[in-house]
Structures are given as structure tokens and as C-alpha cells.
């Protein structure tokens, strides 16, 4: 069996990849924190807003907040695996260690596998939401404006709630109330 050789050019490429990987890891951790904050803010907002308590909107906002936190948790593990990969590559190049290089590649394989599963689950959820939205539009769409969809009220011209005399009187008051600037 032929041994794999890592020359100086490969080491330079690994260090460049590790530096960019570290940049994306930092961005990933920032994104996780922002997603958790957005989720917690949404949950707190849905619970504390007096106008929303007892309404369906509060429940939907709470679900959305928990969904943000759940996505952040799933994303955290993907970023953590990427962080381990970057660390393994940096150690391997710095110490010329085959074990660290193996760990880096092992974590890279885990990261791609996790990202693939994450993508598949996300696409399936999008598809389910799309089907659910289409089904609800088909089910509720006919009764939204009445018995027939042809009974939808359409405004053909703008009507003022005020009669013409009141409109002219309001315009005259507005003209009389002008203030001179010195």
C-alpha cells in the first residue's frame, strides 16, 4: 500500500484552509448566538405582550421562538465539528503530526455528513410547509370572502368619509392656522 505524502505545498494549503475555516467557525458561533437571542426575544415577546396573551399569534410566536432555538442548537453542533476539523489541521501542520491530520480529516468527514443530513431535513421541512400552505390555501381559500370568490369586494374609486362642505371647511382651517416664521 502506498503512503500518503504531505509536502510543503499541501501544508500551506491546509494552513490556508484552516485560517478560512476559523473565520467561518467564528461567523458560525456568532450566528448561533444571534439565533438564540432572536428565539428567546420572540418567546419573551409572545409571553409578555398583554395584547397577544390568549391569542393565536402568541402561540405561533412561541413556536417560532422555540424553532429558532432548536435550529441554533443543531447549527451549533455543525459549527463545533468544523472547529475540531480546523484545530486538527492546524495542529497537524504545526507539529507534523499524522494523528492530528487524521483527526482533522475525520472531523471533516463528520462535518460533511452532518451538513448533508441537516440539508436533507431542512429540504423535507420546506416541502412539508409548502404542501401544508398549499393545502390550507385550497381548503380555506373558497370561504375567505364569502360563498363564492366572485363576491370579493373591490373598491373602484376612493370615497371620502367627509362630505364636501366638511372637506372645504377643514382646508380653510388648515390655511388659517399657518404660523409665520420670523
N, C-alpha and C. Protein backbone atom coordinates (compact mmCIF):
# COMPACT_ATOMS: atom_id res chain seq x y z
N UNK A 1 0.84 -1.18 0.00
CA UNK A 1 0.00 0.00 0.00
C UNK A 1 0.89 1.25 0.00
N UNK A 2 0.54 2.20 -0.83
CA UNK A 2 1.31 3.42 -0.96
C UNK A 2 0.94 4.40 0.15
N UNK A 3 1.98 5.03 0.73
CA UNK A 3 1.73 6.00 1.79
C UNK A 3 1.39 7.35 1.20
N UNK A 4 0.53 8.06 1.91
CA UNK A 4 0.15 9.41 1.52
C UNK A 4 1.22 10.37 2.00
N UNK A 5 1.68 11.21 1.12
CA UNK A 5 2.74 12.15 1.46
C UNK A 5 2.15 13.56 1.44
N UNK A 6 2.43 14.31 2.51
CA UNK A 6 2.00 15.70 2.59
C UNK A 6 3.25 16.56 2.44
N UNK A 7 3.35 17.23 1.29
CA UNK A 7 4.53 18.06 1.06
C UNK A 7 4.29 19.48 1.57
N UNK A 8 5.26 20.35 1.38
CA UNK A 8 5.16 21.72 1.89
C UNK A 8 4.00 22.49 1.25
N UNK A 9 3.75 22.26 -0.03
CA UNK A 9 2.61 22.92 -0.70
C UNK A 9 1.29 22.49 -0.09
N UNK A 10 1.18 21.18 0.24
CA UNK A 10 -0.04 20.69 0.88
C UNK A 10 -0.20 21.28 2.28
N UNK A 11 0.92 21.42 2.99
CA UNK A 11 0.85 22.02 4.33
C UNK A 11 0.38 23.47 4.26
N UNK A 12 0.89 24.20 3.26
CA UNK A 12 0.47 25.58 3.07
C UNK A 12 -1.02 25.66 2.75
N UNK A 13 -1.50 24.74 1.90
CA UNK A 13 -2.93 24.70 1.57
C UNK A 13 -3.77 24.35 2.79
N UNK A 14 -3.29 23.43 3.62
CA UNK A 14 -4.02 23.08 4.85
C UNK A 14 -4.08 24.27 5.80
N UNK A 15 -2.98 25.02 5.93
CA UNK A 15 -3.00 26.19 6.82
C UNK A 15 -3.93 27.27 6.28
N UNK A 16 -3.93 27.47 4.97
CA UNK A 16 -4.85 28.45 4.38
C UNK A 16 -6.29 28.02 4.62
N UNK A 17 -6.57 26.74 4.41
CA UNK A 17 -7.93 26.22 4.66
C UNK A 17 -8.30 26.36 6.12
N UNK A 18 -7.34 26.12 7.00
CA UNK A 18 -7.61 26.23 8.44
C UNK A 18 -7.91 27.67 8.84
N UNK A 19 -7.18 28.62 8.24
CA UNK A 19 -7.43 30.03 8.56
C UNK A 19 -8.82 30.45 8.11
N UNK A 20 -9.18 30.09 6.89
CA UNK A 20 -10.53 30.42 6.40
C UNK A 20 -11.59 29.65 7.19
N UNK A 21 -11.27 28.41 7.53
CA UNK A 21 -12.21 27.64 8.35
C UNK A 21 -12.45 28.29 9.69
N UNK A 22 -11.38 28.82 10.29
CA UNK A 22 -11.53 29.51 11.58
C UNK A 22 -12.43 30.73 11.43
N UNK A 23 -12.28 31.46 10.32
CA UNK A 23 -13.14 32.62 10.05
C UNK A 23 -14.61 32.19 10.00
N UNK A 24 -14.89 31.10 9.28
CA UNK A 24 -16.28 30.63 9.18
C UNK A 24 -16.79 30.05 10.50
N UNK A 25 -15.90 29.48 11.29
CA UNK A 25 -16.29 28.99 12.61
C UNK A 25 -16.71 30.17 13.50
N UNK A 26 -15.94 31.24 13.46
CA UNK A 26 -16.30 32.43 14.26
C UNK A 26 -17.64 32.99 13.81
N UNK A 27 -17.83 33.10 12.49
CA UNK A 27 -19.13 33.55 11.97
C UNK A 27 -20.26 32.60 12.38
N UNK A 28 -19.98 31.31 12.38
CA UNK A 28 -20.98 30.33 12.78
C UNK A 28 -21.38 30.48 14.23
N UNK A 29 -20.40 30.68 15.11
CA UNK A 29 -20.72 30.88 16.53
C UNK A 29 -21.52 32.18 16.74
N UNK A 30 -21.16 33.22 16.01
CA UNK A 30 -21.91 34.48 16.10
C UNK A 30 -23.35 34.25 15.64
N UNK A 31 -23.52 33.51 14.54
CA UNK A 31 -24.87 33.22 14.04
C UNK A 31 -25.68 32.43 15.05
N UNK A 32 -25.04 31.47 15.73
CA UNK A 32 -25.74 30.68 16.75
C UNK A 32 -26.22 31.58 17.88
N UNK A 33 -25.35 32.47 18.34
CA UNK A 33 -25.72 33.38 19.43
C UNK A 33 -26.88 34.28 19.00
N UNK A 34 -26.80 34.83 17.79
CA UNK A 34 -27.88 35.69 17.31
C UNK A 34 -29.20 34.93 17.16
N UNK A 35 -29.13 33.69 16.70
CA UNK A 35 -30.35 32.89 16.57
C UNK A 35 -30.96 32.58 17.92
N UNK A 36 -30.13 32.28 18.91
CA UNK A 36 -30.65 32.02 20.26
C UNK A 36 -31.27 33.29 20.83
N UNK A 37 -30.59 34.42 20.66
CA UNK A 37 -31.15 35.69 21.15
C UNK A 37 -32.47 36.01 20.47
N UNK A 38 -32.54 35.80 19.16
CA UNK A 38 -33.80 36.07 18.44
C UNK A 38 -34.90 35.14 18.92
N UNK A 39 -34.57 33.87 19.16
CA UNK A 39 -35.57 32.93 19.66
C UNK A 39 -36.06 33.29 21.05
N UNK A 40 -35.14 33.61 21.94
CA UNK A 40 -35.52 33.97 23.30
C UNK A 40 -36.33 35.27 23.28
N UNK A 41 -35.90 36.25 22.48
CA UNK A 41 -36.64 37.51 22.38
C UNK A 41 -38.06 37.26 21.87
N UNK A 42 -38.20 36.40 20.88
CA UNK A 42 -39.53 36.09 20.34
C UNK A 42 -40.41 35.41 21.39
N UNK A 43 -39.83 34.48 22.14
CA UNK A 43 -40.59 33.79 23.19
C UNK A 43 -41.01 34.77 24.28
N UNK A 44 -40.08 35.60 24.74
CA UNK A 44 -40.39 36.57 25.79
C UNK A 44 -41.44 37.57 25.30
N UNK A 45 -41.30 38.02 24.06
CA UNK A 45 -42.26 38.96 23.50
C UNK A 45 -43.66 38.34 23.44
N UNK A 46 -43.73 37.09 23.05
CA UNK A 46 -45.05 36.45 22.94
C UNK A 46 -45.70 36.24 24.30
N UNK A 47 -44.90 36.10 25.34
CA UNK A 47 -45.44 35.86 26.68
C UNK A 47 -45.78 37.18 27.38
N UNK A 48 -45.00 38.22 27.15
CA UNK A 48 -45.17 39.45 27.92
C UNK A 48 -46.10 40.47 27.29
N UNK A 49 -46.33 40.40 26.01
CA UNK A 49 -47.21 41.38 25.36
C UNK A 49 -48.65 41.11 25.77
N UNK A 50 -49.24 42.04 26.48
CA UNK A 50 -50.59 41.84 27.01
C UNK A 50 -51.62 41.70 25.90
N UNK A 51 -51.42 42.36 24.78
CA UNK A 51 -52.38 42.27 23.68
C UNK A 51 -52.34 40.93 22.97
N UNK A 52 -51.25 40.20 23.14
CA UNK A 52 -51.11 38.92 22.44
C UNK A 52 -51.52 37.73 23.30
N UNK A 53 -51.58 37.93 24.62
CA UNK A 53 -51.88 36.82 25.52
C UNK A 53 -53.27 36.28 25.21
N UNK A 54 -53.34 35.00 25.07
CA UNK A 54 -54.62 34.34 24.78
C UNK A 54 -54.98 34.33 23.31
N UNK A 55 -54.13 34.87 22.46
CA UNK A 55 -54.42 34.87 21.04
C UNK A 55 -53.59 33.80 20.35
N UNK A 56 -53.97 33.49 19.17
CA UNK A 56 -53.22 32.51 18.38
C UNK A 56 -51.87 33.03 17.97
N UNK A 57 -51.73 34.35 17.88
CA UNK A 57 -50.45 34.94 17.49
C UNK A 57 -49.39 34.64 18.55
N UNK A 58 -49.74 34.71 19.82
CA UNK A 58 -48.78 34.45 20.89
C UNK A 58 -48.27 33.01 20.79
N UNK A 59 -49.17 32.09 20.54
CA UNK A 59 -48.76 30.69 20.40
C UNK A 59 -47.85 30.48 19.20
N UNK A 60 -48.18 31.11 18.09
CA UNK A 60 -47.35 30.98 16.89
C UNK A 60 -45.97 31.61 17.12
N UNK A 61 -45.94 32.75 17.82
CA UNK A 61 -44.66 33.39 18.10
C UNK A 61 -43.80 32.53 19.01
N UNK A 62 -44.44 31.88 19.99
CA UNK A 62 -43.69 30.99 20.88
C UNK A 62 -43.11 29.81 20.11
N UNK A 63 -43.91 29.24 19.23
CA UNK A 63 -43.43 28.12 18.41
C UNK A 63 -42.26 28.57 17.54
N UNK A 64 -42.38 29.75 16.95
CA UNK A 64 -41.30 30.29 16.12
C UNK A 64 -40.04 30.51 16.95
N UNK A 65 -40.19 31.01 18.16
CA UNK A 65 -39.03 31.22 19.04
C UNK A 65 -38.35 29.91 19.39
N UNK A 66 -39.13 28.89 19.73
CA UNK A 66 -38.54 27.59 20.04
C UNK A 66 -37.90 26.97 18.80
N UNK A 67 -38.47 27.20 17.65
CA UNK A 67 -37.89 26.71 16.40
C UNK A 67 -36.53 27.37 16.15
N UNK A 68 -36.42 28.67 16.39
CA UNK A 68 -35.14 29.37 16.25
C UNK A 68 -34.09 28.75 17.18
N UNK A 69 -34.47 28.50 18.43
CA UNK A 69 -33.52 27.94 19.39
C UNK A 69 -33.12 26.52 18.97
N UNK A 70 -34.07 25.73 18.48
CA UNK A 70 -33.76 24.37 18.04
C UNK A 70 -32.82 24.37 16.83
N UNK A 71 -33.06 25.27 15.89
CA UNK A 71 -32.17 25.37 14.72
C UNK A 71 -30.79 25.82 15.16
N UNK A 72 -30.73 26.75 16.11
CA UNK A 72 -29.44 27.21 16.62
C UNK A 72 -28.68 26.07 17.29
N UNK A 73 -29.38 25.22 18.03
CA UNK A 73 -28.73 24.07 18.67
C UNK A 73 -28.17 23.10 17.63
N UNK A 74 -28.96 22.81 16.60
CA UNK A 74 -28.50 21.92 15.55
C UNK A 74 -27.30 22.53 14.81
N UNK A 75 -27.37 23.81 14.55
CA UNK A 75 -26.30 24.51 13.84
C UNK A 75 -25.04 24.57 14.69
N UNK A 76 -25.20 24.69 16.01
CA UNK A 76 -24.04 24.72 16.92
C UNK A 76 -23.19 23.47 16.76
N UNK A 77 -23.81 22.31 16.67
CA UNK A 77 -23.05 21.07 16.56
C UNK A 77 -22.28 21.01 15.24
N UNK A 78 -22.86 21.53 14.18
CA UNK A 78 -22.17 21.56 12.90
C UNK A 78 -20.96 22.50 12.98
N UNK A 79 -21.11 23.65 13.62
CA UNK A 79 -20.00 24.59 13.76
C UNK A 79 -18.93 24.00 14.67
N UNK A 80 -19.34 23.29 15.70
CA UNK A 80 -18.38 22.66 16.63
C UNK A 80 -17.53 21.62 15.90
N UNK A 81 -18.15 20.82 15.05
CA UNK A 81 -17.40 19.82 14.28
C UNK A 81 -16.41 20.52 13.36
N UNK A 82 -16.83 21.60 12.73
CA UNK A 82 -15.93 22.35 11.86
C UNK A 82 -14.77 22.94 12.67
N UNK A 83 -15.05 23.37 13.88
CA UNK A 83 -13.99 23.90 14.75
C UNK A 83 -12.96 22.82 15.08
N UNK A 84 -13.43 21.61 15.36
CA UNK A 84 -12.50 20.50 15.62
C UNK A 84 -11.66 20.17 14.39
N UNK A 85 -12.26 20.25 13.21
CA UNK A 85 -11.54 19.99 11.97
C UNK A 85 -10.42 21.01 11.79
N UNK A 86 -10.74 22.29 11.97
CA UNK A 86 -9.75 23.35 11.81
C UNK A 86 -8.62 23.18 12.81
N UNK A 87 -8.96 22.87 14.04
CA UNK A 87 -7.95 22.69 15.07
C UNK A 87 -7.04 21.51 14.74
N UNK A 88 -7.63 20.43 14.25
CA UNK A 88 -6.83 19.25 13.86
C UNK A 88 -5.86 19.58 12.74
N UNK A 89 -6.31 20.31 11.73
CA UNK A 89 -5.44 20.67 10.62
C UNK A 89 -4.30 21.60 11.07
N UNK A 90 -4.61 22.56 11.93
CA UNK A 90 -3.57 23.48 12.40
C UNK A 90 -2.51 22.73 13.23
N UNK A 91 -2.97 21.85 14.11
CA UNK A 91 -2.02 21.07 14.92
C UNK A 91 -1.18 20.15 14.04
N UNK A 92 -1.81 19.56 13.04
CA UNK A 92 -1.08 18.64 12.16
C UNK A 92 0.04 19.36 11.44
N UNK A 93 -0.23 20.55 10.93
CA UNK A 93 0.80 21.30 10.20
C UNK A 93 1.87 21.81 11.17
N UNK A 94 1.46 22.31 12.32
CA UNK A 94 2.42 22.87 13.28
C UNK A 94 3.34 21.79 13.84
N UNK A 95 2.78 20.61 14.16
CA UNK A 95 3.55 19.56 14.82
C UNK A 95 3.98 18.44 13.88
N UNK A 96 3.61 18.54 12.61
CA UNK A 96 3.85 17.46 11.64
C UNK A 96 3.35 16.13 12.21
N UNK A 97 2.13 16.16 12.74
CA UNK A 97 1.55 15.00 13.42
C UNK A 97 0.53 14.33 12.52
N UNK A 98 0.77 13.04 12.25
CA UNK A 98 -0.16 12.26 11.44
C UNK A 98 -1.48 12.05 12.18
N UNK A 99 -1.44 11.87 13.50
CA UNK A 99 -2.66 11.67 14.28
C UNK A 99 -3.57 12.90 14.22
N UNK A 100 -2.99 14.08 14.34
CA UNK A 100 -3.79 15.31 14.26
C UNK A 100 -4.38 15.49 12.87
N UNK A 101 -3.60 15.12 11.84
CA UNK A 101 -4.11 15.20 10.47
C UNK A 101 -5.27 14.22 10.29
N UNK A 102 -5.13 13.03 10.84
CA UNK A 102 -6.22 12.05 10.78
C UNK A 102 -7.47 12.56 11.49
N UNK A 103 -7.28 13.19 12.66
CA UNK A 103 -8.42 13.75 13.40
C UNK A 103 -9.09 14.85 12.59
N UNK A 104 -8.28 15.70 11.96
CA UNK A 104 -8.84 16.77 11.14
C UNK A 104 -9.68 16.23 9.99
N UNK A 105 -9.15 15.23 9.29
CA UNK A 105 -9.91 14.64 8.18
C UNK A 105 -11.14 13.87 8.67
N UNK A 106 -11.02 13.23 9.83
CA UNK A 106 -12.17 12.52 10.40
C UNK A 106 -13.29 13.50 10.74
N UNK A 107 -12.92 14.63 11.33
CA UNK A 107 -13.92 15.65 11.66
C UNK A 107 -14.48 16.31 10.41
N UNK A 108 -13.66 16.42 9.36
CA UNK A 108 -14.16 16.97 8.10
C UNK A 108 -15.23 16.04 7.53
N UNK A 109 -14.98 14.73 7.58
CA UNK A 109 -15.97 13.77 7.08
C UNK A 109 -17.24 13.83 7.92
N UNK A 110 -17.10 13.92 9.24
CA UNK A 110 -18.28 14.05 10.12
C UNK A 110 -19.06 15.33 9.82
N UNK A 111 -18.32 16.41 9.59
CA UNK A 111 -18.97 17.69 9.30
C UNK A 111 -19.77 17.64 8.01
N UNK A 112 -19.19 17.06 6.96
CA UNK A 112 -19.92 16.95 5.70
C UNK A 112 -21.14 16.04 5.84
N UNK A 113 -20.98 14.97 6.58
CA UNK A 113 -22.10 14.05 6.81
C UNK A 113 -23.23 14.76 7.57
N UNK A 114 -22.86 15.48 8.62
CA UNK A 114 -23.85 16.22 9.41
C UNK A 114 -24.52 17.29 8.57
N UNK A 115 -23.73 18.03 7.78
CA UNK A 115 -24.29 19.07 6.91
C UNK A 115 -25.24 18.46 5.89
N UNK A 116 -24.92 17.28 5.38
CA UNK A 116 -25.81 16.61 4.43
C UNK A 116 -27.13 16.23 5.07
N UNK A 117 -27.08 15.64 6.26
CA UNK A 117 -28.31 15.30 6.97
C UNK A 117 -29.13 16.55 7.29
N UNK A 118 -28.45 17.58 7.75
CA UNK A 118 -29.10 18.84 8.09
C UNK A 118 -29.81 19.42 6.87
N UNK A 119 -29.15 19.37 5.72
CA UNK A 119 -29.74 19.88 4.49
C UNK A 119 -30.95 19.06 4.07
N UNK A 120 -30.85 17.74 4.16
CA UNK A 120 -31.98 16.88 3.80
C UNK A 120 -33.18 17.15 4.69
N UNK A 121 -32.95 17.25 5.99
CA UNK A 121 -34.05 17.52 6.93
C UNK A 121 -34.67 18.88 6.64
N UNK A 122 -33.83 19.88 6.36
CA UNK A 122 -34.34 21.22 6.05
C UNK A 122 -35.18 21.21 4.78
N UNK A 123 -34.72 20.52 3.75
CA UNK A 123 -35.48 20.46 2.50
C UNK A 123 -36.82 19.73 2.68
N UNK A 124 -36.81 18.66 3.48
CA UNK A 124 -38.06 17.94 3.76
C UNK A 124 -39.03 18.84 4.53
N UNK A 125 -38.52 19.59 5.50
CA UNK A 125 -39.40 20.50 6.25
C UNK A 125 -39.95 21.59 5.34
N UNK A 126 -39.12 22.14 4.45
CA UNK A 126 -39.61 23.13 3.49
C UNK A 126 -40.72 22.54 2.63
N UNK A 127 -40.52 21.33 2.18
CA UNK A 127 -41.52 20.67 1.34
C UNK A 127 -42.83 20.46 2.12
N UNK A 128 -42.71 20.04 3.38
CA UNK A 128 -43.91 19.85 4.20
C UNK A 128 -44.65 21.17 4.43
N UNK A 129 -43.90 22.24 4.71
CA UNK A 129 -44.53 23.56 4.88
C UNK A 129 -45.20 24.01 3.60
N UNK A 130 -44.57 23.77 2.47
CA UNK A 130 -45.13 24.16 1.18
C UNK A 130 -46.42 23.40 0.90
N UNK A 131 -46.41 22.10 1.15
CA UNK A 131 -47.61 21.29 0.95
C UNK A 131 -48.71 21.73 1.92
N UNK A 132 -48.34 21.97 3.17
CA UNK A 132 -49.33 22.43 4.16
C UNK A 132 -49.92 23.78 3.79
N UNK A 133 -49.08 24.69 3.30
CA UNK A 133 -49.57 26.01 2.90
C UNK A 133 -50.51 25.88 1.70
N UNK A 134 -50.12 25.07 0.73
CA UNK A 134 -50.97 24.89 -0.46
C UNK A 134 -52.30 24.24 -0.08
N UNK A 135 -52.24 23.26 0.82
CA UNK A 135 -53.48 22.59 1.24
C UNK A 135 -54.38 23.55 2.01
N UNK A 136 -53.80 24.37 2.87
CA UNK A 136 -54.63 25.31 3.63
C UNK A 136 -55.20 26.39 2.72
N UNK A 137 -54.45 26.81 1.71
CA UNK A 137 -54.96 27.80 0.76
C UNK A 137 -56.11 27.21 -0.05
N UNK A 138 -55.97 25.96 -0.44
CA UNK A 138 -57.03 25.31 -1.21
C UNK A 138 -58.27 25.07 -0.35
N UNK A 139 -58.04 24.72 0.92
CA UNK A 139 -59.15 24.41 1.80
C UNK A 139 -59.89 25.66 2.26
N UNK A 140 -59.13 26.69 2.67
CA UNK A 140 -59.74 27.90 3.22
C UNK A 140 -59.94 29.00 2.19
N UNK A 141 -59.36 28.88 1.02
CA UNK A 141 -59.41 29.93 0.03
C UNK A 141 -60.80 30.25 -0.47
N UNK A 142 -61.67 29.26 -0.59
CA UNK A 142 -63.01 29.49 -1.12
C UNK A 142 -63.90 30.26 -0.16
N UNK A 143 -63.76 30.04 1.13
CA UNK A 143 -64.63 30.67 2.11
C UNK A 143 -64.05 31.96 2.68
N UNK A 144 -62.94 32.41 2.17
CA UNK A 144 -62.30 33.57 2.75
C UNK A 144 -63.16 34.84 2.63
N UNK A 145 -63.82 35.04 1.49
CA UNK A 145 -64.60 36.25 1.26
C UNK A 145 -66.09 35.97 1.12
N UNK A 146 -66.51 34.81 1.42
CA UNK A 146 -67.93 34.50 1.29
C UNK A 146 -68.13 33.20 0.56
N UNK A 147 -69.32 33.00 0.06
CA UNK A 147 -69.65 31.75 -0.60
C UNK A 147 -68.87 31.56 -1.89
N UNK A 148 -68.84 32.58 -2.72
CA UNK A 148 -68.16 32.48 -4.00
C UNK A 148 -67.01 33.47 -4.03
N UNK A 149 -65.97 33.11 -4.74
CA UNK A 149 -64.83 34.01 -4.83
C UNK A 149 -65.15 35.24 -5.67
N UNK A 150 -66.25 35.22 -6.43
CA UNK A 150 -66.62 36.37 -7.24
C UNK A 150 -67.24 37.48 -6.40
N UNK A 151 -67.53 37.21 -5.14
CA UNK A 151 -68.13 38.21 -4.27
C UNK A 151 -67.09 39.04 -3.52
N UNK A 152 -65.86 39.02 -3.97
CA UNK A 152 -64.81 39.77 -3.30
C UNK A 152 -65.07 41.25 -3.50
N UNK A 153 -65.13 42.02 -2.41
CA UNK A 153 -65.38 43.45 -2.55
C UNK A 153 -64.19 44.15 -3.19
N UNK A 154 -64.46 44.95 -4.21
CA UNK A 154 -63.42 45.68 -4.91
C UNK A 154 -63.77 47.15 -4.87
N UNK A 155 -62.83 47.99 -4.44
CA UNK A 155 -63.05 49.43 -4.43
C UNK A 155 -62.72 49.99 -5.79
N UNK A 156 -63.66 50.64 -6.41
CA UNK A 156 -63.43 51.18 -7.73
C UNK A 156 -62.98 52.62 -7.69
N UNK A 157 -63.39 53.37 -6.68
CA UNK A 157 -62.96 54.76 -6.57
C UNK A 157 -62.84 55.11 -5.10
N UNK A 158 -62.01 56.05 -4.83
CA UNK A 158 -61.82 56.47 -3.44
C UNK A 158 -62.99 57.33 -3.01
N UNK A 159 -63.53 57.01 -1.86
CA UNK A 159 -64.63 57.79 -1.31
C UNK A 159 -64.17 58.42 -0.01
N UNK A 160 -64.51 59.66 0.19
CA UNK A 160 -64.15 60.36 1.40
C UNK A 160 -65.25 60.15 2.43
N UNK A 161 -64.88 59.90 3.68
CA UNK A 161 -65.90 59.75 4.71
C UNK A 161 -66.55 61.09 5.06
N UNK A 162 -65.92 62.19 4.65
CA UNK A 162 -66.45 63.51 4.94
C UNK A 162 -67.23 64.02 3.73
N UNK A 163 -68.24 64.82 3.97
CA UNK A 163 -68.95 65.41 2.83
C UNK A 163 -68.12 66.59 2.31
N UNK A 164 -68.51 67.14 1.18
CA UNK A 164 -67.72 68.18 0.54
C UNK A 164 -67.61 69.43 1.40
N UNK A 165 -68.69 69.82 2.11
CA UNK A 165 -68.64 71.03 2.95
C UNK A 165 -67.62 70.87 4.06
N UNK A 166 -67.57 69.68 4.67
CA UNK A 166 -66.62 69.45 5.77
C UNK A 166 -65.19 69.46 5.25
N UNK A 167 -64.96 68.94 4.07
CA UNK A 167 -63.62 68.93 3.49
C UNK A 167 -63.15 70.35 3.20
N UNK A 168 -64.03 71.20 2.64
CA UNK A 168 -63.66 72.58 2.36
C UNK A 168 -63.41 73.35 3.65
N UNK A 169 -64.22 73.07 4.69
CA UNK A 169 -64.06 73.74 5.97
C UNK A 169 -62.72 73.35 6.60
N UNK A 170 -62.32 72.07 6.51
CA UNK A 170 -61.05 71.61 7.07
C UNK A 170 -59.89 72.25 6.33
N UNK A 171 -60.00 72.42 5.04
CA UNK A 171 -58.94 73.06 4.25
C UNK A 171 -58.81 74.53 4.64
N UNK A 172 -59.93 75.21 4.87
CA UNK A 172 -59.90 76.62 5.25
C UNK A 172 -59.25 76.78 6.62
N UNK A 173 -59.55 75.88 7.57
CA UNK A 173 -58.95 75.93 8.90
C UNK A 173 -57.46 75.71 8.80
N UNK A 174 -57.04 74.77 7.96
CA UNK A 174 -55.62 74.49 7.81
C UNK A 174 -54.87 75.70 7.25
N UNK A 175 -55.51 76.45 6.34
CA UNK A 175 -54.87 77.63 5.78
C UNK A 175 -54.80 78.74 6.82
N UNK A 176 -55.83 78.90 7.64
CA UNK A 176 -55.86 79.95 8.66
C UNK A 176 -54.88 79.68 9.79
N UNK A 177 -54.52 78.41 10.03
CA UNK A 177 -53.66 78.05 11.15
C UNK A 177 -52.18 78.13 10.80
N UNK A 178 -51.84 78.67 9.66
CA UNK A 178 -50.42 78.75 9.32
C UNK A 178 -49.73 79.74 10.23
N UNK A 179 -48.50 79.44 10.57
CA UNK A 179 -47.73 80.25 11.52
C UNK A 179 -46.63 80.96 10.75
N UNK A 180 -46.46 82.23 11.03
CA UNK A 180 -45.40 82.99 10.38
C UNK A 180 -44.09 82.73 11.15
N UNK A 181 -43.02 82.54 10.39
CA UNK A 181 -41.71 82.33 10.99
C UNK A 181 -40.91 83.62 10.84
N UNK A 182 -40.37 84.10 11.92
CA UNK A 182 -39.61 85.35 11.89
C UNK A 182 -38.15 85.10 11.68
